[in-house]
Amino acid sequence: MAKRILIADDEPNIVTALVFLLQQDGFEVDVARNGEEALAIAKDREPDLILLDVMMPLLGGHEACRRIRERSGRSVKIVMLSARGGKPEVEKGLGAGADLYVVKPFSTRELMQKIQGLLAVA
């Protein structure tokens, strides 16, 4: 059975590229354009992994991550995506419950390898 991935990001170019790559790898993909949508879809669809942008409308990635962790525990893997790559930002993302913090711009090949690695452990 295909693994389900939720992309929560408000940048259309990133979403389009990630949807294409993930579907090519056989994943089922859902998309949320803001943090509130991400929470609703995560609850309804129970993804195996969430790609969560830090800066989104309505509800930021850190708070969305915390809420998802409160509800789902560690069962879902969360990868935070952010243009902010300083040590305090990375620590804040991991502290909110992310399994991995990836700085934009990122190599899509490396991101796909990281996703495969996280899901192989699951």
N, C-alpha and C. Protein backbone atom coordinates (compact mmCIF):
# COMPACT_ATOMS: atom_id res chain seq x y z
N MET A 1 0.85 -1.19 0.00
CA MET A 1 0.00 0.00 0.00
C MET A 1 0.88 1.24 0.00
N ALA A 2 0.51 2.23 -0.81
CA ALA A 2 1.31 3.44 -0.95
C ALA A 2 1.29 4.27 0.33
N LYS A 3 2.43 4.84 0.64
CA LYS A 3 2.53 5.74 1.78
C LYS A 3 1.91 7.07 1.38
N ARG A 4 1.31 7.75 2.36
CA ARG A 4 0.64 9.03 2.13
C ARG A 4 1.49 10.16 2.71
N ILE A 5 1.69 11.19 1.89
CA ILE A 5 2.46 12.36 2.31
C ILE A 5 1.61 13.61 2.16
N LEU A 6 1.63 14.44 3.17
CA LEU A 6 0.95 15.73 3.15
C LEU A 6 2.00 16.82 2.96
N ILE A 7 1.82 17.63 1.93
CA ILE A 7 2.67 18.80 1.71
C ILE A 7 1.89 20.01 2.21
N ALA A 8 2.44 20.70 3.21
CA ALA A 8 1.82 21.91 3.73
C ALA A 8 2.76 23.07 3.44
N ASP A 9 2.46 23.79 2.36
CA ASP A 9 3.32 24.88 1.92
C ASP A 9 2.48 25.83 1.07
N ASP A 10 2.76 27.12 1.18
CA ASP A 10 1.98 28.10 0.41
C ASP A 10 2.73 28.62 -0.82
N GLU A 11 3.87 28.02 -1.16
CA GLU A 11 4.61 28.42 -2.35
C GLU A 11 4.28 27.46 -3.49
N PRO A 12 3.50 27.93 -4.47
CA PRO A 12 3.03 27.05 -5.55
C PRO A 12 4.13 26.30 -6.29
N ASN A 13 5.27 26.95 -6.55
CA ASN A 13 6.34 26.27 -7.30
C ASN A 13 6.91 25.09 -6.52
N ILE A 14 7.06 25.26 -5.23
CA ILE A 14 7.57 24.17 -4.39
C ILE A 14 6.55 23.04 -4.34
N VAL A 15 5.29 23.39 -4.14
CA VAL A 15 4.23 22.38 -4.07
C VAL A 15 4.16 21.58 -5.37
N THR A 16 4.17 22.27 -6.50
CA THR A 16 4.08 21.59 -7.80
C THR A 16 5.24 20.61 -7.99
N ALA A 17 6.46 21.06 -7.69
CA ALA A 17 7.63 20.20 -7.86
C ALA A 17 7.57 19.00 -6.92
N LEU A 18 7.20 19.23 -5.67
CA LEU A 18 7.16 18.12 -4.71
C LEU A 18 6.06 17.12 -5.03
N VAL A 19 4.89 17.61 -5.44
CA VAL A 19 3.80 16.70 -5.81
C VAL A 19 4.27 15.80 -6.95
N PHE A 20 4.88 16.39 -7.96
CA PHE A 20 5.35 15.61 -9.11
C PHE A 20 6.34 14.54 -8.67
N LEU A 21 7.36 14.94 -7.93
CA LEU A 21 8.41 14.00 -7.50
C LEU A 21 7.85 12.88 -6.62
N LEU A 22 7.01 13.25 -5.67
CA LEU A 22 6.46 12.25 -4.75
C LEU A 22 5.55 11.26 -5.47
N GLN A 23 4.71 11.77 -6.38
CA GLN A 23 3.84 10.87 -7.13
C GLN A 23 4.65 9.96 -8.04
N GLN A 24 5.74 10.47 -8.62
CA GLN A 24 6.63 9.65 -9.45
C GLN A 24 7.22 8.50 -8.63
N ASP A 25 7.44 8.74 -7.34
CA ASP A 25 7.99 7.71 -6.45
C ASP A 25 6.91 6.80 -5.87
N GLY A 26 5.65 7.02 -6.28
CA GLY A 26 4.58 6.12 -5.86
C GLY A 26 3.85 6.51 -4.60
N PHE A 27 4.08 7.73 -4.10
CA PHE A 27 3.38 8.18 -2.90
C PHE A 27 2.02 8.75 -3.25
N GLU A 28 1.07 8.64 -2.31
CA GLU A 28 -0.19 9.37 -2.42
C GLU A 28 0.06 10.71 -1.77
N VAL A 29 -0.39 11.79 -2.40
CA VAL A 29 -0.03 13.13 -1.95
C VAL A 29 -1.28 13.98 -1.72
N ASP A 30 -1.30 14.65 -0.56
CA ASP A 30 -2.32 15.65 -0.26
C ASP A 30 -1.59 16.98 -0.11
N VAL A 31 -2.31 18.10 -0.35
CA VAL A 31 -1.70 19.42 -0.26
C VAL A 31 -2.55 20.33 0.61
N ALA A 32 -1.87 21.05 1.51
CA ALA A 32 -2.50 22.09 2.32
C ALA A 32 -1.78 23.40 2.02
N ARG A 33 -2.52 24.48 1.92
CA ARG A 33 -1.93 25.79 1.59
C ARG A 33 -1.67 26.66 2.82
N ASN A 34 -2.11 26.19 3.99
CA ASN A 34 -1.87 26.93 5.23
C ASN A 34 -1.89 25.97 6.41
N GLY A 35 -1.52 26.47 7.58
CA GLY A 35 -1.42 25.61 8.75
C GLY A 35 -2.75 25.02 9.21
N GLU A 36 -3.82 25.79 9.10
CA GLU A 36 -5.14 25.28 9.50
C GLU A 36 -5.56 24.12 8.61
N GLU A 37 -5.38 24.28 7.30
CA GLU A 37 -5.69 23.20 6.36
C GLU A 37 -4.85 21.97 6.66
N ALA A 38 -3.58 22.19 7.00
CA ALA A 38 -2.68 21.08 7.31
C ALA A 38 -3.21 20.27 8.49
N LEU A 39 -3.68 20.95 9.52
CA LEU A 39 -4.24 20.24 10.68
C LEU A 39 -5.46 19.42 10.30
N ALA A 40 -6.35 20.01 9.52
CA ALA A 40 -7.59 19.32 9.13
C ALA A 40 -7.27 18.09 8.27
N ILE A 41 -6.39 18.26 7.29
CA ILE A 41 -6.06 17.14 6.40
C ILE A 41 -5.31 16.06 7.16
N ALA A 42 -4.40 16.46 8.05
CA ALA A 42 -3.65 15.47 8.84
C ALA A 42 -4.60 14.64 9.70
N LYS A 43 -5.63 15.27 10.22
CA LYS A 43 -6.60 14.54 11.05
C LYS A 43 -7.43 13.58 10.20
N ASP A 44 -7.88 14.04 9.03
CA ASP A 44 -8.75 13.24 8.17
C ASP A 44 -8.02 12.13 7.44
N ARG A 45 -6.82 12.43 6.94
CA ARG A 45 -6.14 11.50 6.04
C ARG A 45 -5.04 10.67 6.70
N GLU A 46 -4.62 11.06 7.90
CA GLU A 46 -3.57 10.35 8.65
C GLU A 46 -2.36 10.01 7.77
N PRO A 47 -1.62 11.05 7.34
CA PRO A 47 -0.46 10.80 6.48
C PRO A 47 0.65 10.08 7.23
N ASP A 48 1.52 9.44 6.48
CA ASP A 48 2.70 8.79 7.06
C ASP A 48 3.80 9.81 7.32
N LEU A 49 3.81 10.89 6.50
CA LEU A 49 4.83 11.92 6.63
C LEU A 49 4.23 13.25 6.20
N ILE A 50 4.66 14.33 6.88
CA ILE A 50 4.20 15.68 6.55
C ILE A 50 5.41 16.54 6.24
N LEU A 51 5.38 17.20 5.07
CA LEU A 51 6.36 18.23 4.74
C LEU A 51 5.72 19.55 5.12
N LEU A 52 6.26 20.21 6.13
CA LEU A 52 5.59 21.33 6.77
C LEU A 52 6.44 22.60 6.66
N ASP A 53 5.94 23.56 5.90
CA ASP A 53 6.62 24.85 5.77
C ASP A 53 6.50 25.60 7.10
N VAL A 54 7.56 26.30 7.48
CA VAL A 54 7.54 27.04 8.74
C VAL A 54 6.65 28.27 8.64
N MET A 55 6.79 29.03 7.56
CA MET A 55 6.04 30.29 7.44
C MET A 55 4.86 30.11 6.50
N MET A 56 3.67 29.91 7.10
CA MET A 56 2.44 29.73 6.33
C MET A 56 1.36 30.66 6.88
N PRO A 57 0.37 30.98 6.05
CA PRO A 57 -0.74 31.80 6.53
C PRO A 57 -1.60 31.04 7.55
N LEU A 58 -2.32 31.80 8.33
CA LEU A 58 -3.30 31.35 9.33
C LEU A 58 -2.68 30.66 10.54
N LEU A 59 -1.78 29.75 10.30
CA LEU A 59 -1.13 29.03 11.42
C LEU A 59 0.24 28.61 10.95
N GLY A 60 1.27 29.04 11.66
CA GLY A 60 2.64 28.73 11.26
C GLY A 60 3.00 27.28 11.46
N GLY A 61 4.10 26.88 10.85
CA GLY A 61 4.55 25.49 10.92
C GLY A 61 4.89 25.00 12.31
N HIS A 62 5.48 25.87 13.14
CA HIS A 62 5.84 25.43 14.48
C HIS A 62 4.60 25.05 15.29
N GLU A 63 3.59 25.91 15.26
CA GLU A 63 2.37 25.63 16.03
C GLU A 63 1.63 24.44 15.43
N ALA A 64 1.57 24.35 14.11
CA ALA A 64 0.93 23.20 13.47
C ALA A 64 1.64 21.91 13.88
N CYS A 65 2.96 21.94 13.91
CA CYS A 65 3.74 20.76 14.30
C CYS A 65 3.41 20.35 15.73
N ARG A 66 3.39 21.32 16.63
CA ARG A 66 3.06 21.03 18.04
C ARG A 66 1.68 20.37 18.16
N ARG A 67 0.71 20.95 17.47
CA ARG A 67 -0.66 20.42 17.56
C ARG A 67 -0.77 19.01 16.96
N ILE A 68 -0.08 18.78 15.86
CA ILE A 68 -0.10 17.44 15.26
C ILE A 68 0.54 16.44 16.21
N ARG A 69 1.65 16.81 16.84
CA ARG A 69 2.33 15.92 17.80
C ARG A 69 1.43 15.63 19.00
N GLU A 70 0.71 16.63 19.49
CA GLU A 70 -0.20 16.42 20.62
C GLU A 70 -1.26 15.39 20.28
N ARG A 71 -1.73 15.42 19.05
CA ARG A 71 -2.81 14.54 18.63
C ARG A 71 -2.31 13.17 18.18
N SER A 72 -1.18 13.14 17.48
CA SER A 72 -0.74 11.90 16.84
C SER A 72 0.48 11.26 17.50
N GLY A 73 1.06 11.93 18.47
CA GLY A 73 2.28 11.39 19.05
C GLY A 73 3.38 11.36 18.01
N ARG A 74 4.22 10.33 18.06
CA ARG A 74 5.34 10.23 17.12
C ARG A 74 4.99 9.36 15.91
N SER A 75 3.73 9.00 15.73
CA SER A 75 3.38 8.07 14.66
C SER A 75 3.61 8.66 13.26
N VAL A 76 3.44 9.95 13.11
CA VAL A 76 3.65 10.59 11.80
C VAL A 76 5.03 11.25 11.80
N LYS A 77 5.74 11.11 10.70
CA LYS A 77 7.04 11.76 10.55
C LYS A 77 6.79 13.19 10.04
N ILE A 78 7.52 14.15 10.60
CA ILE A 78 7.35 15.55 10.20
C ILE A 78 8.69 16.12 9.78
N VAL A 79 8.71 16.67 8.55
CA VAL A 79 9.90 17.34 8.03
C VAL A 79 9.54 18.81 7.86
N MET A 80 10.21 19.68 8.61
CA MET A 80 9.96 21.11 8.48
C MET A 80 10.83 21.66 7.37
N LEU A 81 10.23 22.54 6.56
CA LEU A 81 10.92 23.21 5.46
C LEU A 81 10.95 24.71 5.76
N SER A 82 12.12 25.34 5.65
CA SER A 82 12.20 26.76 5.95
C SER A 82 13.35 27.43 5.22
N ALA A 83 13.15 28.70 4.90
CA ALA A 83 14.23 29.50 4.33
C ALA A 83 15.19 29.94 5.44
N ARG A 84 14.76 29.83 6.67
CA ARG A 84 15.58 30.24 7.81
C ARG A 84 16.37 29.03 8.31
N GLY A 85 17.70 29.12 8.17
CA GLY A 85 18.53 27.97 8.50
C GLY A 85 19.48 28.16 9.66
N GLY A 86 19.31 29.25 10.42
CA GLY A 86 20.19 29.47 11.56
C GLY A 86 19.94 28.46 12.66
N LYS A 87 20.93 28.28 13.52
CA LYS A 87 20.82 27.28 14.59
C LYS A 87 19.58 27.50 15.47
N PRO A 88 19.24 28.74 15.87
CA PRO A 88 18.03 28.93 16.70
C PRO A 88 16.76 28.46 16.00
N GLU A 89 16.67 28.72 14.68
CA GLU A 89 15.48 28.31 13.93
C GLU A 89 15.38 26.80 13.82
N VAL A 90 16.52 26.15 13.57
CA VAL A 90 16.54 24.69 13.49
C VAL A 90 16.14 24.09 14.83
N GLU A 91 16.70 24.61 15.92
CA GLU A 91 16.36 24.11 17.26
C GLU A 91 14.89 24.32 17.58
N LYS A 92 14.34 25.46 17.16
CA LYS A 92 12.92 25.72 17.40
C LYS A 92 12.05 24.71 16.66
N GLY A 93 12.42 24.41 15.41
CA GLY A 93 11.65 23.44 14.62
C GLY A 93 11.72 22.04 15.22
N LEU A 94 12.91 21.61 15.59
CA LEU A 94 13.05 20.28 16.20
C LEU A 94 12.38 20.25 17.57
N GLY A 95 12.45 21.38 18.28
CA GLY A 95 11.80 21.47 19.59
C GLY A 95 10.28 21.40 19.50
N ALA A 96 9.73 21.83 18.36
CA ALA A 96 8.27 21.76 18.16
C ALA A 96 7.82 20.33 17.86
N GLY A 97 8.80 19.44 17.57
CA GLY A 97 8.45 18.05 17.32
C GLY A 97 8.82 17.51 15.96
N ALA A 98 9.50 18.32 15.14
CA ALA A 98 9.88 17.85 13.81
C ALA A 98 10.95 16.76 13.92
N ASP A 99 10.87 15.79 13.00
CA ASP A 99 11.89 14.74 12.93
C ASP A 99 13.12 15.23 12.18
N LEU A 100 12.90 16.19 11.29
CA LEU A 100 13.98 16.68 10.43
C LEU A 100 13.67 18.11 10.05
N TYR A 101 14.71 18.93 9.89
CA TYR A 101 14.57 20.33 9.50
C TYR A 101 15.41 20.54 8.24
N VAL A 102 14.76 20.94 7.15
CA VAL A 102 15.44 21.11 5.87
C VAL A 102 15.35 22.57 5.45
N VAL A 103 16.50 23.14 5.08
CA VAL A 103 16.57 24.55 4.72
C VAL A 103 16.36 24.73 3.21
N LYS A 104 15.49 25.69 2.86
CA LYS A 104 15.25 26.06 1.46
C LYS A 104 16.34 27.03 1.03
N PRO A 105 16.80 27.01 -0.20
CA PRO A 105 16.47 26.01 -1.22
C PRO A 105 17.17 24.70 -0.91
N PHE A 106 16.53 23.61 -1.26
CA PHE A 106 17.08 22.29 -0.97
C PHE A 106 17.19 21.49 -2.26
N SER A 107 18.04 20.49 -2.20
CA SER A 107 18.16 19.55 -3.32
C SER A 107 16.98 18.59 -3.24
N THR A 108 16.19 18.53 -4.31
CA THR A 108 15.03 17.62 -4.27
C THR A 108 15.48 16.17 -4.16
N ARG A 109 16.61 15.84 -4.78
CA ARG A 109 17.11 14.47 -4.68
C ARG A 109 17.46 14.12 -3.23
N GLU A 110 18.14 15.04 -2.55
CA GLU A 110 18.49 14.79 -1.14
C GLU A 110 17.24 14.72 -0.28
N LEU A 111 16.27 15.59 -0.55
CA LEU A 111 15.03 15.56 0.23
C LEU A 111 14.32 14.22 0.03
N MET A 112 14.26 13.74 -1.20
CA MET A 112 13.61 12.46 -1.46
C MET A 112 14.33 11.32 -0.73
N GLN A 113 15.65 11.37 -0.68
CA GLN A 113 16.41 10.34 0.05
C GLN A 113 16.08 10.40 1.54
N LYS A 114 15.98 11.60 2.08
CA LYS A 114 15.65 11.77 3.51
C LYS A 114 14.25 11.26 3.81
N ILE A 115 13.30 11.54 2.91
CA ILE A 115 11.93 11.05 3.09
C ILE A 115 11.92 9.52 3.08
N GLN A 116 12.59 8.93 2.10
CA GLN A 116 12.64 7.47 2.03
C GLN A 116 13.26 6.89 3.30
N GLY A 117 14.31 7.54 3.80
CA GLY A 117 14.96 7.07 5.02
C GLY A 117 14.05 7.15 6.23
N LEU A 118 13.32 8.26 6.38
CA LEU A 118 12.40 8.40 7.51
C LEU A 118 11.29 7.35 7.45
N LEU A 119 10.76 7.12 6.25
CA LEU A 119 9.66 6.17 6.11
C LEU A 119 10.12 4.73 6.24
N ALA A 120 11.38 4.47 5.93
CA ALA A 120 11.91 3.10 6.09
C ALA A 120 12.01 2.72 7.56
N VAL A 121 12.23 3.73 8.41
CA VAL A 121 12.33 3.51 9.85
C VAL A 121 10.95 3.31 10.46
N ALA A 122 9.95 3.92 9.84
CA ALA A 122 8.58 3.91 10.40
C ALA A 122 8.00 2.50 10.47
